[in-house]
Amino acid sequence: MVVLDLQVLMENEMGEEWMQTNVDRLSSEVSTRETSLLQLVELLGPVLLHNKPQNRCGGLLFFTSIIDKLSEDFLDTEEVGLLVNFYTDRLKDHHSSIPHTLRGLSFLSKATNLTKDQLE
């Protein structure tokens, strides 16, 4: 079960130390499959879909920082496809989220299970 003080993200009050500690912990939990990406996305849903762009941007930075720590062969083809769609959709979001979106797409471009069909 994923444990995270979501209120810190909801109020956009995460400091560098909080961010690093939680990114390291959750990326480790995901990479050991103690926590699934689906559980993480479900937990972060309220932040990733928040009505304030700065909150969505903070949630996206947090999520992207976690997946950026995963190995290139960690995601299966279906997960890569879902995340490609997710990040592609984020390109239509507020301009402040673009750097985190591009960072996520950059990680996915190196994924070993990325297929040609997912690029179209």
PDB file of N, CA and C in Angstrom:
ATOM      1  N   MET A   1       0.843  -1.192   0.000  1.00  0.00           N
ATOM      2  CA  MET A   1       0.000   0.000   0.000  1.00  0.00           C
ATOM      3  C   MET A   1       0.880   1.245   0.000  1.00  0.00           C
ATOM      4  N   VAL A   2       0.556   2.176  -0.849  1.00  0.00           N
ATOM      5  CA  VAL A   2       1.309   3.410  -0.980  1.00  0.00           C
ATOM      6  C   VAL A   2       0.966   4.343   0.172  1.00  0.00           C
ATOM      7  N   VAL A   3       1.990   4.861   0.829  1.00  0.00           N
ATOM      8  CA  VAL A   3       1.782   5.818   1.913  1.00  0.00           C
ATOM      9  C   VAL A   3       2.455   7.124   1.506  1.00  0.00           C
ATOM     10  N   LEU A   4       1.672   8.190   1.506  1.00  0.00           N
ATOM     11  CA  LEU A   4       2.190   9.494   1.121  1.00  0.00           C
ATOM     12  C   LEU A   4       1.283  10.570   1.697  1.00  0.00           C
ATOM     13  N   ASP A   5       1.881  11.622   2.217  1.00  0.00           N
ATOM     14  CA  ASP A   5       1.101  12.757   2.706  1.00  0.00           C
ATOM     15  C   ASP A   5       0.691  13.585   1.487  1.00  0.00           C
ATOM     16  N   LEU A   6      -0.445  13.219   0.928  1.00  0.00           N
ATOM     17  CA  LEU A   6      -0.926  13.862  -0.292  1.00  0.00           C
ATOM     18  C   LEU A   6      -1.246  15.335  -0.078  1.00  0.00           C
ATOM     19  N   GLN A   7      -1.544  15.696   1.142  1.00  0.00           N
ATOM     20  CA  GLN A   7      -1.886  17.090   1.441  1.00  0.00           C
ATOM     21  C   GLN A   7      -0.733  18.033   1.084  1.00  0.00           C
ATOM     22  N   VAL A   8       0.493  17.573   1.267  1.00  0.00           N
ATOM     23  CA  VAL A   8       1.660  18.398   0.929  1.00  0.00           C
ATOM     24  C   VAL A   8       1.639  18.726  -0.560  1.00  0.00           C
ATOM     25  N   LEU A   9       1.327  17.739  -1.384  1.00  0.00           N
ATOM     26  CA  LEU A   9       1.231  17.972  -2.833  1.00  0.00           C
ATOM     27  C   LEU A   9       0.000  18.802  -3.179  1.00  0.00           C
ATOM     28  N   MET A  10      -1.112  18.515  -2.509  1.00  0.00           N
ATOM     29  CA  MET A  10      -2.359  19.243  -2.796  1.00  0.00           C
ATOM     30  C   MET A  10      -2.215  20.733  -2.508  1.00  0.00           C
ATOM     31  N   GLU A  11      -1.416  21.053  -1.497  1.00  0.00           N
ATOM     32  CA  GLU A  11      -1.214  22.457  -1.132  1.00  0.00           C
ATOM     33  C   GLU A  11       0.053  23.030  -1.764  1.00  0.00           C
ATOM     34  N   ASN A  12       0.694  22.209  -2.602  1.00  0.00           N
ATOM     35  CA  ASN A  12       1.891  22.640  -3.327  1.00  0.00           C
ATOM     36  C   ASN A  12       2.966  23.180  -2.374  1.00  0.00           C
ATOM     37  N   GLU A  13       3.181  22.439  -1.268  1.00  0.00           N
ATOM     38  CA  GLU A  13       4.121  22.882  -0.245  1.00  0.00           C
ATOM     39  C   GLU A  13       5.313  21.946  -0.091  1.00  0.00           C
ATOM     40  N   MET A  14       5.628  21.166  -1.129  1.00  0.00           N
ATOM     41  CA  MET A  14       6.732  20.230  -0.996  1.00  0.00           C
ATOM     42  C   MET A  14       8.061  20.954  -1.145  1.00  0.00           C
ATOM     43  N   GLY A  15       8.927  20.724  -0.179  1.00  0.00           N
ATOM     44  CA  GLY A  15      10.271  21.275  -0.236  1.00  0.00           C
ATOM     45  C   GLY A  15      11.200  20.281  -0.912  1.00  0.00           C
ATOM     46  N   GLU A  16      12.415  20.700  -1.149  1.00  0.00           N
ATOM     47  CA  GLU A  16      13.377  19.845  -1.841  1.00  0.00           C
ATOM     48  C   GLU A  16      13.653  18.553  -1.063  1.00  0.00           C
ATOM     49  N   GLU A  17      13.798  18.671   0.258  1.00  0.00           N
ATOM     50  CA  GLU A  17      14.076  17.483   1.077  1.00  0.00           C
ATOM     51  C   GLU A  17      12.891  16.519   1.067  1.00  0.00           C
ATOM     52  N   TRP A  18      11.666  17.040   1.215  1.00  0.00           N
ATOM     53  CA  TRP A  18      10.465  16.206   1.177  1.00  0.00           C
ATOM     54  C   TRP A  18      10.381  15.493  -0.167  1.00  0.00           C
ATOM     55  N   MET A  19      10.617  16.257  -1.218  1.00  0.00           N
ATOM     56  CA  MET A  19      10.529  15.710  -2.569  1.00  0.00           C
ATOM     57  C   MET A  19      11.540  14.577  -2.762  1.00  0.00           C
ATOM     58  N   GLN A  20      12.779  14.829  -2.429  1.00  0.00           N
ATOM     59  CA  GLN A  20      13.831  13.825  -2.640  1.00  0.00           C
ATOM     60  C   GLN A  20      13.576  12.565  -1.818  1.00  0.00           C
ATOM     61  N   THR A  21      13.204  12.734  -0.560  1.00  0.00           N
ATOM     62  CA  THR A  21      12.934  11.591   0.316  1.00  0.00           C
ATOM     63  C   THR A  21      11.805  10.726  -0.229  1.00  0.00           C
ATOM     64  N   ASN A  22      10.718  11.358  -0.631  1.00  0.00           N
ATOM     65  CA  ASN A  22       9.561  10.610  -1.107  1.00  0.00           C
ATOM     66  C   ASN A  22       9.742  10.047  -2.507  1.00  0.00           C
ATOM     67  N   VAL A  23      10.445  10.768  -3.364  1.00  0.00           N
ATOM     68  CA  VAL A  23      10.745  10.242  -4.704  1.00  0.00           C
ATOM     69  C   VAL A  23      11.628   8.998  -4.578  1.00  0.00           C
ATOM     70  N   ASP A  24      12.666   9.072  -3.753  1.00  0.00           N
ATOM     71  CA  ASP A  24      13.557   7.924  -3.569  1.00  0.00           C
ATOM     72  C   ASP A  24      12.799   6.718  -3.009  1.00  0.00           C
ATOM     73  N   ARG A  25      11.984   6.974  -1.999  1.00  0.00           N
ATOM     74  CA  ARG A  25      11.235   5.884  -1.360  1.00  0.00           C
ATOM     75  C   ARG A  25      10.245   5.242  -2.321  1.00  0.00           C
ATOM     76  N   LEU A  26       9.464   6.076  -3.017  1.00  0.00           N
ATOM     77  CA  LEU A  26       8.436   5.526  -3.900  1.00  0.00           C
ATOM     78  C   LEU A  26       9.026   4.897  -5.157  1.00  0.00           C
ATOM     79  N   SER A  27      10.113   5.457  -5.677  1.00  0.00           N
ATOM     80  CA  SER A  27      10.732   4.827  -6.850  1.00  0.00           C
ATOM     81  C   SER A  27      11.291   3.460  -6.470  1.00  0.00           C
ATOM     82  N   SER A  28      11.802   3.333  -5.253  1.00  0.00           N
ATOM     83  CA  SER A  28      12.280   2.038  -4.769  1.00  0.00           C
ATOM     84  C   SER A  28      11.117   1.058  -4.617  1.00  0.00           C
ATOM     85  N   GLU A  29      10.008   1.522  -4.052  1.00  0.00           N
ATOM     86  CA  GLU A  29       8.828   0.669  -3.887  1.00  0.00           C
ATOM     87  C   GLU A  29       8.280   0.213  -5.237  1.00  0.00           C
ATOM     88  N   VAL A  30       8.286   1.105  -6.214  1.00  0.00           N
ATOM     89  CA  VAL A  30       7.790   0.745  -7.546  1.00  0.00           C
ATOM     90  C   VAL A  30       8.753  -0.228  -8.212  1.00  0.00           C
ATOM     91  N   SER A  31      10.052   0.039  -8.124  1.00  0.00           N
ATOM     92  CA  SER A  31      11.023  -0.827  -8.804  1.00  0.00           C
ATOM     93  C   SER A  31      11.077  -2.232  -8.204  1.00  0.00           C
ATOM     94  N   THR A  32      10.743  -2.376  -6.918  1.00  0.00           N
ATOM     95  CA  THR A  32      10.698  -3.708  -6.297  1.00  0.00           C
ATOM     96  C   THR A  32       9.295  -4.312  -6.375  1.00  0.00           C
ATOM     97  N   ARG A  33       8.400  -3.600  -7.010  1.00  0.00           N
ATOM     98  CA  ARG A  33       7.006  -4.016  -7.212  1.00  0.00           C
ATOM     99  C   ARG A  33       6.221  -4.131  -5.903  1.00  0.00           C
ATOM    100  N   GLU A  34       6.737  -3.465  -4.883  1.00  0.00           N
ATOM    101  CA  GLU A  34       5.997  -3.361  -3.626  1.00  0.00           C
ATOM    102  C   GLU A  34       4.768  -2.479  -3.844  1.00  0.00           C
ATOM    103  N   THR A  35       4.911  -1.515  -4.734  1.00  0.00           N
ATOM    104  CA  THR A  35       3.846  -0.604  -5.143  1.00  0.00           C
ATOM    105  C   THR A  35       3.788  -0.640  -6.663  1.00  0.00           C
ATOM    106  N   SER A  36       2.582  -0.675  -7.213  1.00  0.00           N
ATOM    107  CA  SER A  36       2.451  -0.669  -8.675  1.00  0.00           C
ATOM    108  C   SER A  36       2.318   0.761  -9.178  1.00  0.00           C
ATOM    109  N   LEU A  37       2.612   0.943 -10.448  1.00  0.00           N
ATOM    110  CA  LEU A  37       2.417   2.267 -11.056  1.00  0.00           C
ATOM    111  C   LEU A  37       0.946   2.661 -10.994  1.00  0.00           C
ATOM    112  N   LEU A  38       0.069   1.697 -11.165  1.00  0.00           N
ATOM    113  CA  LEU A  38      -1.367   1.983 -11.095  1.00  0.00           C
ATOM    114  C   LEU A  38      -1.741   2.524  -9.716  1.00  0.00           C
ATOM    115  N   GLN A  39      -1.226   1.897  -8.647  1.00  0.00           N
ATOM    116  CA  GLN A  39      -1.507   2.382  -7.296  1.00  0.00           C
ATOM    117  C   GLN A  39      -0.983   3.809  -7.125  1.00  0.00           C
ATOM    118  N   LEU A  40       0.186   4.069  -7.666  1.00  0.00           N
ATOM    119  CA  LEU A  40       0.783   5.395  -7.552  1.00  0.00           C
ATOM    120  C   LEU A  40      -0.054   6.437  -8.298  1.00  0.00           C
ATOM    121  N   VAL A  41      -0.464   6.112  -9.508  1.00  0.00           N
ATOM    122  CA  VAL A  41      -1.287   7.042 -10.294  1.00  0.00           C
ATOM    123  C   VAL A  41      -2.631   7.277  -9.608  1.00  0.00           C
ATOM    124  N   GLU A  42      -3.228   6.218  -9.072  1.00  0.00           N
ATOM    125  CA  GLU A  42      -4.497   6.385  -8.361  1.00  0.00           C
ATOM    126  C   GLU A  42      -4.331   7.289  -7.146  1.00  0.00           C
ATOM    127  N   LEU A  43      -3.236   7.113  -6.422  1.00  0.00           N
ATOM    128  CA  LEU A  43      -2.974   7.956  -5.258  1.00  0.00           C
ATOM    129  C   LEU A  43      -2.785   9.413  -5.666  1.00  0.00           C
ATOM    130  N   LEU A  44      -2.043   9.634  -6.745  1.00  0.00           N
ATOM    131  CA  LEU A  44      -1.733  10.997  -7.188  1.00  0.00           C
ATOM    132  C   LEU A  44      -2.851  11.627  -8.021  1.00  0.00           C
ATOM    133  N   GLY A  45      -3.880  10.862  -8.342  1.00  0.00           N
ATOM    134  CA  GLY A  45      -4.969  11.359  -9.179  1.00  0.00           C
ATOM    135  C   GLY A  45      -5.511  12.724  -8.787  1.00  0.00           C
ATOM    136  N   PRO A  46      -5.842  12.944  -7.509  1.00  0.00           N
ATOM    137  CA  PRO A  46      -6.382  14.252  -7.120  1.00  0.00           C
ATOM    138  C   PRO A  46      -5.416  15.415  -7.396  1.00  0.00           C
ATOM    139  N   VAL A  47      -4.135  15.156  -7.344  1.00  0.00           N
ATOM    140  CA  VAL A  47      -3.153  16.218  -7.620  1.00  0.00           C
ATOM    141  C   VAL A  47      -2.971  16.375  -9.125  1.00  0.00           C
ATOM    142  N   LEU A  48      -2.855  15.254  -9.842  1.00  0.00           N
ATOM    143  CA  LEU A  48      -2.652  15.309 -11.293  1.00  0.00           C
ATOM    144  C   LEU A  48      -3.847  15.898 -12.024  1.00  0.00           C
ATOM    145  N   LEU A  49      -5.021  15.852 -11.389  1.00  0.00           N
ATOM    146  CA  LEU A  49      -6.250  16.387 -12.004  1.00  0.00           C
ATOM    147  C   LEU A  49      -6.758  17.639 -11.297  1.00  0.00           C
ATOM    148  N   HIS A  50      -5.954  18.204 -10.447  1.00  0.00           N
ATOM    149  CA  HIS A  50      -6.348  19.380  -9.664  1.00  0.00           C
ATOM    150  C   HIS A  50      -6.727  20.529 -10.593  1.00  0.00           C
ATOM    151  N   ASN A  51      -7.632  21.397 -10.135  1.00  0.00           N
ATOM    152  CA  ASN A  51      -8.067  22.511 -10.984  1.00  0.00           C
ATOM    153  C   ASN A  51      -7.037  23.638 -11.076  1.00  0.00           C
ATOM    154  N   LYS A  52      -6.067  23.673 -10.167  1.00  0.00           N
ATOM    155  CA  LYS A  52      -5.028  24.704 -10.227  1.00  0.00           C
ATOM    156  C   LYS A  52      -3.807  24.174 -10.974  1.00  0.00           C
ATOM    157  N   PRO A  53      -3.371  24.881 -12.022  1.00  0.00           N
ATOM    158  CA  PRO A  53      -2.220  24.415 -12.805  1.00  0.00           C
ATOM    159  C   PRO A  53      -0.956  24.180 -11.980  1.00  0.00           C
ATOM    160  N   GLN A  54      -0.689  25.030 -10.979  1.00  0.00           N
ATOM    161  CA  GLN A  54       0.533  24.861 -10.191  1.00  0.00           C
ATOM    162  C   GLN A  54       0.502  23.558  -9.380  1.00  0.00           C
ATOM    163  N   ASN A  55      -0.672  23.129  -8.959  1.00  0.00           N
ATOM    164  CA  ASN A  55      -0.794  21.863  -8.232  1.00  0.00           C
ATOM    165  C   ASN A  55      -0.596  20.676  -9.172  1.00  0.00           C
ATOM    166  N   ARG A  56      -1.224  20.755 -10.358  1.00  0.00           N
ATOM    167  CA  ARG A  56      -1.032  19.689 -11.351  1.00  0.00           C
ATOM    168  C   ARG A  56       0.435  19.594 -11.733  1.00  0.00           C
ATOM    169  N   CYS A  57       1.073  20.730 -11.892  1.00  0.00           N
ATOM    170  CA  CYS A  57       2.481  20.773 -12.267  1.00  0.00           C
ATOM    171  C   CYS A  57       3.349  20.125 -11.178  1.00  0.00           C
ATOM    172  N   GLY A  58       3.056  20.412  -9.913  1.00  0.00           N
ATOM    173  CA  GLY A  58       3.790  19.809  -8.806  1.00  0.00           C
ATOM    174  C   GLY A  58       3.603  18.298  -8.766  1.00  0.00           C
ATOM    175  N   GLY A  59       2.382  17.847  -9.005  1.00  0.00           N
ATOM    176  CA  GLY A  59       2.106  16.418  -9.051  1.00  0.00           C
ATOM    177  C   GLY A  59       2.815  15.741 -10.204  1.00  0.00           C
ATOM    178  N   LEU A  60       2.839  16.420 -11.345  1.00  0.00           N
ATOM    179  CA  LEU A  60       3.516  15.884 -12.522  1.00  0.00           C
ATOM    180  C   LEU A  60       5.024  15.818 -12.295  1.00  0.00           C
ATOM    181  N   LEU A  61       5.585  16.845 -11.679  1.00  0.00           N
ATOM    182  CA  LEU A  61       7.011  16.826 -11.343  1.00  0.00           C
ATOM    183  C   LEU A  61       7.312  15.643 -10.427  1.00  0.00           C
ATOM    184  N   PHE A  62       6.492  15.438  -9.425  1.00  0.00           N
ATOM    185  CA  PHE A  62       6.689  14.351  -8.478  1.00  0.00           C
ATOM    186  C   PHE A  62       6.618  12.996  -9.180  1.00  0.00           C
ATOM    187  N   PHE A  63       5.568  12.776  -9.959  1.00  0.00           N
ATOM    188  CA  PHE A  63       5.397  11.505 -10.669  1.00  0.00           C
ATOM    189  C   PHE A  63       6.542  11.266 -11.650  1.00  0.00           C
ATOM    190  N   THR A  64       6.890  12.287 -12.413  1.00  0.00           N
ATOM    191  CA  THR A  64       7.959  12.158 -13.395  1.00  0.00           C
ATOM    192  C   THR A  64       9.294  11.866 -12.720  1.00  0.00           C
ATOM    193  N   SER A  65       9.537  12.488 -11.581  1.00  0.00           N
ATOM    194  CA  SER A  65      10.775  12.229 -10.844  1.00  0.00           C
ATOM    195  C   SER A  65      10.856  10.778 -10.398  1.00  0.00           C
ATOM    196  N   ILE A  66       9.718  10.180 -10.090  1.00  0.00           N
ATOM    197  CA  ILE A  66       9.692   8.774  -9.681  1.00  0.00           C
ATOM    198  C   ILE A  66       9.985   7.867 -10.867  1.00  0.00           C
ATOM    199  N   ILE A  67       9.267   8.049 -11.973  1.00  0.00           N
ATOM    200  CA  ILE A  67       9.493   7.134 -13.101  1.00  0.00           C
ATOM    201  C   ILE A  67      10.860   7.340 -13.727  1.00  0.00           C
ATOM    202  N   ASP A  68      11.411   8.540 -13.593  1.00  0.00           N
ATOM    203  CA  ASP A  68      12.733   8.828 -14.144  1.00  0.00           C
ATOM    204  C   ASP A  68      13.823   7.990 -13.465  1.00  0.00           C
ATOM    205  N   LYS A  69      13.552   7.490 -12.268  1.00  0.00           N
ATOM    206  CA  LYS A  69      14.522   6.679 -11.527  1.00  0.00           C
ATOM    207  C   LYS A  69      14.413   5.185 -11.847  1.00  0.00           C
ATOM    208  N   LEU A  70      13.425   4.806 -12.633  1.00  0.00           N
ATOM    209  CA  LEU A  70      13.247   3.401 -12.990  1.00  0.00           C
ATOM    210  C   LEU A  70      14.194   3.027 -14.120  1.00  0.00           C
ATOM    211  N   SER A  71      14.521   1.751 -14.209  1.00  0.00           N
ATOM    212  CA  SER A  71      15.395   1.302 -15.295  1.00  0.00           C
ATOM    213  C   SER A  71      14.635   1.335 -16.618  1.00  0.00           C
ATOM    214  N   GLU A  72      15.377   1.397 -17.706  1.00  0.00           N
ATOM    215  CA  GLU A  72      14.769   1.515 -19.035  1.00  0.00           C
ATOM    216  C   GLU A  72      13.955   0.287 -19.423  1.00  0.00           C
ATOM    217  N   ASP A  73      14.228  -0.837 -18.798  1.00  0.00           N
ATOM    218  CA  ASP A  73      13.493  -2.058 -19.131  1.00  0.00           C
ATOM    219  C   ASP A  73      12.427  -2.401 -18.090  1.00  0.00           C
ATOM    220  N   PHE A  74      12.151  -1.501 -17.172  1.00  0.00           N
ATOM    221  CA  PHE A  74      11.199  -1.777 -16.093  1.00  0.00           C
ATOM    222  C   PHE A  74       9.762  -1.874 -16.594  1.00  0.00           C
ATOM    223  N   LEU A  75       9.342  -0.943 -17.415  1.00  0.00           N
ATOM    224  CA  LEU A  75       7.943  -0.873 -17.862  1.00  0.00           C
ATOM    225  C   LEU A  75       7.672  -1.899 -18.952  1.00  0.00           C
ATOM    226  N   ASP A  76       6.499  -2.553 -18.868  1.00  0.00           N
ATOM    227  CA  ASP A  76       6.128  -3.441 -19.964  1.00  0.00           C
ATOM    228  C   ASP A  76       5.495  -2.603 -21.079  1.00  0.00           C
ATOM    229  N   THR A  77       5.209  -3.233 -22.193  1.00  0.00           N
ATOM    230  CA  THR A  77       4.703  -2.518 -23.367  1.00  0.00           C
ATOM    231  C   THR A  77       3.406  -1.776 -23.072  1.00  0.00           C
ATOM    232  N   GLU A  78       2.514  -2.414 -22.319  1.00  0.00           N
ATOM    233  CA  GLU A  78       1.233  -1.768 -22.000  1.00  0.00           C
ATOM    234  C   GLU A  78       1.445  -0.528 -21.126  1.00  0.00           C
ATOM    235  N   GLU A  79       2.313  -0.637 -20.126  1.00  0.00           N
ATOM    236  CA  GLU A  79       2.588   0.506 -19.248  1.00  0.00           C
ATOM    237  C   GLU A  79       3.224   1.653 -20.032  1.00  0.00           C
ATOM    238  N   VAL A  80       4.142   1.322 -20.929  1.00  0.00           N
ATOM    239  CA  VAL A  80       4.766   2.361 -21.757  1.00  0.00           C
ATOM    240  C   VAL A  80       3.700   3.068 -22.581  1.00  0.00           C
ATOM    241  N   GLY A  81       2.808   2.299 -23.195  1.00  0.00           N
ATOM    242  CA  GLY A  81       1.746   2.880 -24.003  1.00  0.00           C
ATOM    243  C   GLY A  81       0.836   3.797 -23.205  1.00  0.00           C
ATOM    244  N   LEU A  82       0.458   3.365 -22.015  1.00  0.00           N
ATOM    245  CA  LEU A  82      -0.398   4.195 -21.165  1.00  0.00           C
ATOM    246  C   LEU A  82       0.303   5.492 -20.767  1.00  0.00           C
ATOM    247  N   LEU A  83       1.581   5.386 -20.430  1.00  0.00           N
ATOM    248  CA  LEU A  83       2.308   6.591 -20.026  1.00  0.00           C
ATOM    249  C   LEU A  83       2.592   7.512 -21.210  1.00  0.00           C
ATOM    250  N   VAL A  84       2.817   6.954 -22.389  1.00  0.00           N
ATOM    251  CA  VAL A  84       2.976   7.796 -23.585  1.00  0.00           C
ATOM    252  C   VAL A  84       1.689   8.588 -23.809  1.00  0.00           C
ATOM    253  N   ASN A  85       0.541   7.924 -23.692  1.00  0.00           N
ATOM    254  CA  ASN A  85      -0.740   8.622 -23.860  1.00  0.00           C
ATOM    255  C   ASN A  85      -0.934   9.673 -22.778  1.00  0.00           C
ATOM    256  N   PHE A  86      -0.589   9.329 -21.547  1.00  0.00           N
ATOM    257  CA  PHE A  86      -0.720  10.264 -20.427  1.00  0.00           C
ATOM    258  C   PHE A  86       0.117  11.518 -20.668  1.00  0.00           C
ATOM    259  N   TYR A  87       1.394  11.337 -20.986  1.00  0.00           N
ATOM    260  CA  TYR A  87       2.280  12.487 -21.171  1.00  0.00           C
ATOM    261  C   TYR A  87       1.927  13.272 -22.437  1.00  0.00           C
ATOM    262  N   THR A  88       1.506  12.595 -23.479  1.00  0.00           N
ATOM    263  CA  THR A  88       1.091  13.299 -24.698  1.00  0.00           C
ATOM    264  C   THR A  88      -0.099  14.195 -24.398  1.00  0.00           C
ATOM    265  N   ASP A  89      -1.028  13.684 -23.594  1.00  0.00           N
ATOM    266  CA  ASP A  89      -2.181  14.487 -23.193  1.00  0.00           C
ATOM    267  C   ASP A  89      -1.749  15.686 -22.340  1.00  0.00           C
ATOM    268  N   ARG A  90      -0.720  15.516 -21.529  1.00  0.00           N
ATOM    269  CA  ARG A  90      -0.223  16.619 -20.680  1.00  0.00           C
ATOM    270  C   ARG A  90       0.353  17.763 -21.528  1.00  0.00           C
ATOM    271  N   LEU A  91       0.725  17.491 -22.761  1.00  0.00           N
ATOM    272  CA  LEU A  91       1.222  18.554 -23.637  1.00  0.00           C
ATOM    273  C   LEU A  91       0.148  19.613 -23.899  1.00  0.00           C
ATOM    274  N   LYS A  92      -1.109  19.241 -23.710  1.00  0.00           N
ATOM    275  CA  LYS A  92      -2.225  20.172 -23.922  1.00  0.00           C
ATOM    276  C   LYS A  92      -2.548  20.961 -22.655  1.00  0.00           C
ATOM    277  N   ASP A  93      -1.877  20.632 -21.562  1.00  0.00           N
ATOM    278  CA  ASP A  93      -2.131  21.269 -20.275  1.00  0.00           C
ATOM    279  C   ASP A  93      -1.432  22.630 -20.219  1.00  0.00           C
ATOM    280  N   HIS A  94      -1.453  23.241 -19.069  1.00  0.00           N
ATOM    281  CA  HIS A  94      -0.845  24.552 -18.831  1.00  0.00           C
ATOM    282  C   HIS A  94       0.638  24.540 -19.225  1.00  0.00           C
ATOM    283  N   HIS A  95       1.106  25.635 -19.768  1.00  0.00           N
ATOM    284  CA  HIS A  95       2.493  25.717 -20.249  1.00  0.00           C
ATOM    285  C   HIS A  95       3.531  25.420 -19.169  1.00  0.00           C
ATOM    286  N   SER A  96       3.203  25.622 -17.909  1.00  0.00           N
ATOM    287  CA  SER A  96       4.169  25.378 -16.838  1.00  0.00           C
ATOM    288  C   SER A  96       4.472  23.888 -16.646  1.00  0.00           C
ATOM    289  N   SER A  97       3.623  23.032 -17.172  1.00  0.00           N
ATOM    290  CA  SER A  97       3.853  21.589 -17.033  1.00  0.00           C
ATOM    291  C   SER A  97       4.700  21.014 -18.163  1.00  0.00           C
ATOM    292  N   ILE A  98       4.982  21.799 -19.177  1.00  0.00           N
ATOM    293  CA  ILE A  98       5.711  21.300 -20.350  1.00  0.00           C
ATOM    294  C   ILE A  98       7.091  20.722 -19.998  1.00  0.00           C
ATOM    295  N   PRO A  99       7.919  21.369 -19.170  1.00  0.00           N
ATOM    296  CA  PRO A  99       9.234  20.770 -18.868  1.00  0.00           C
ATOM    297  C   PRO A  99       9.129  19.373 -18.235  1.00  0.00           C
ATOM    298  N   HIS A 100       8.184  19.179 -17.325  1.00  0.00           N
ATOM    299  CA  HIS A 100       8.031  17.883 -16.670  1.00  0.00           C
ATOM    300  C   HIS A 100       7.464  16.854 -17.652  1.00  0.00           C
ATOM    301  N   THR A 101       6.599  17.322 -18.540  1.00  0.00           N
ATOM    302  CA  THR A 101       6.031  16.449 -19.562  1.00  0.00           C
ATOM    303  C   THR A 101       7.120  15.977 -20.512  1.00  0.00           C
ATOM    304  N   LEU A 102       7.964  16.888 -20.950  1.00  0.00           N
ATOM    305  CA  LEU A 102       9.049  16.505 -21.861  1.00  0.00           C
ATOM    306  C   LEU A 102      10.043  15.568 -21.183  1.00  0.00           C
ATOM    307  N   ARG A 103      10.284  15.794 -19.909  1.00  0.00           N
ATOM    308  CA  ARG A 103      11.185  14.900 -19.160  1.00  0.00           C
ATOM    309  C   ARG A 103      10.596  13.488 -19.098  1.00  0.00           C
ATOM    310  N   GLY A 104       9.295  13.390 -18.878  1.00  0.00           N
ATOM    311  CA  GLY A 104       8.634  12.083 -18.865  1.00  0.00           C
ATOM    312  C   GLY A 104       8.688  11.411 -20.222  1.00  0.00           C
ATOM    313  N   LEU A 105       8.435  12.172 -21.271  1.00  0.00           N
ATOM    314  CA  LEU A 105       8.507  11.615 -22.629  1.00  0.00           C
ATOM    315  C   LEU A 105       9.936  11.216 -22.982  1.00  0.00           C
ATOM    316  N   SER A 106      10.901  11.967 -22.488  1.00  0.00           N
ATOM    317  CA  SER A 106      12.305  11.614 -22.720  1.00  0.00           C
ATOM    318  C   SER A 106      12.624  10.260 -22.093  1.00  0.00           C
ATOM    319  N   PHE A 107      12.173  10.053 -20.854  1.00  0.00           N
ATOM    320  CA  PHE A 107      12.381   8.759 -20.205  1.00  0.00           C
ATOM    321  C   PHE A 107      11.731   7.651 -21.029  1.00  0.00           C
ATOM    322  N   LEU A 108      10.489   7.870 -21.453  1.00  0.00           N
ATOM    323  CA  LEU A 108       9.763   6.845 -22.196  1.00  0.00           C
ATOM    324  C   LEU A 108      10.403   6.555 -23.551  1.00  0.00           C
ATOM    325  N   SER A 109      11.032   7.553 -24.143  1.00  0.00           N
ATOM    326  CA  SER A 109      11.682   7.339 -25.445  1.00  0.00           C
ATOM    327  C   SER A 109      12.841   6.354 -25.339  1.00  0.00           C
ATOM    328  N   LYS A 110      13.366   6.160 -24.143  1.00  0.00           N
ATOM    329  CA  LYS A 110      14.473   5.230 -23.916  1.00  0.00           C
ATOM    330  C   LYS A 110      13.992   3.864 -23.437  1.00  0.00           C
ATOM    331  N   ALA A 111      12.697   3.729 -23.182  1.00  0.00           N
ATOM    332  CA  ALA A 111      12.153   2.468 -22.671  1.00  0.00           C
ATOM    333  C   ALA A 111      12.339   1.364 -23.703  1.00  0.00           C
ATOM    334  N   THR A 112      12.842   0.236 -23.245  1.00  0.00           N
ATOM    335  CA  THR A 112      13.110  -0.868 -24.174  1.00  0.00           C
ATOM    336  C   THR A 112      11.833  -1.453 -24.760  1.00  0.00           C
ATOM    337  N   ASN A 113      10.712  -1.297 -24.083  1.00  0.00           N
ATOM    338  CA  ASN A 113       9.448  -1.858 -24.566  1.00  0.00           C
ATOM    339  C   ASN A 113       8.583  -0.850 -25.319  1.00  0.00           C
ATOM    340  N   LEU A 114       9.155   0.260 -25.720  1.00  0.00           N
ATOM    341  CA  LEU A 114       8.445   1.235 -26.551  1.00  0.00           C
ATOM    342  C   LEU A 114       8.338   0.680 -27.958  1.00  0.00           C
ATOM    343  N   THR A 115       7.132   0.666 -28.505  1.00  0.00           N
ATOM    344  CA  THR A 115       6.934   0.132 -29.842  1.00  0.00           C
ATOM    345  C   THR A 115       6.732   1.268 -30.855  1.00  0.00           C
ATOM    346  N   LYS A 116       6.931   0.958 -32.086  1.00  0.00           N
ATOM    347  CA  LYS A 116       6.735   1.940 -33.158  1.00  0.00           C
ATOM    348  C   LYS A 116       5.288   2.455 -33.183  1.00  0.00           C
ATOM    349  N   ASP A 117       4.349   1.564 -32.928  1.00  0.00           N
ATOM    350  CA  ASP A 117       2.931   1.953 -32.914  1.00  0.00           C
ATOM    351  C   ASP A 117       2.644   3.006 -31.832  1.00  0.00           C
ATOM    352  N   GLN A 118       3.352   2.937 -30.716  1.00  0.00           N
ATOM    353  CA  GLN A 118       3.133   3.886 -29.620  1.00  0.00           C
ATOM    354  C   GLN A 118       3.662   5.274 -29.967  1.00  0.00           C
ATOM    355  N   LEU A 119       4.493   5.369 -30.970  1.00  0.00           N
ATOM    356  CA  LEU A 119       5.047   6.659 -31.375  1.00  0.00           C
ATOM    357  C   LEU A 119       4.135   7.394 -32.342  1.00  0.00           C
ATOM    358  N   GLU A 120       3.158   6.716 -32.871  1.00  0.00           N
ATOM    359  CA  GLU A 120       2.286   7.334 -33.885  1.00  0.00           C
ATOM    360  C   GLU A 120       1.109   8.033 -33.273  1.00  0.00           C
TER     361      GLU A 120
END
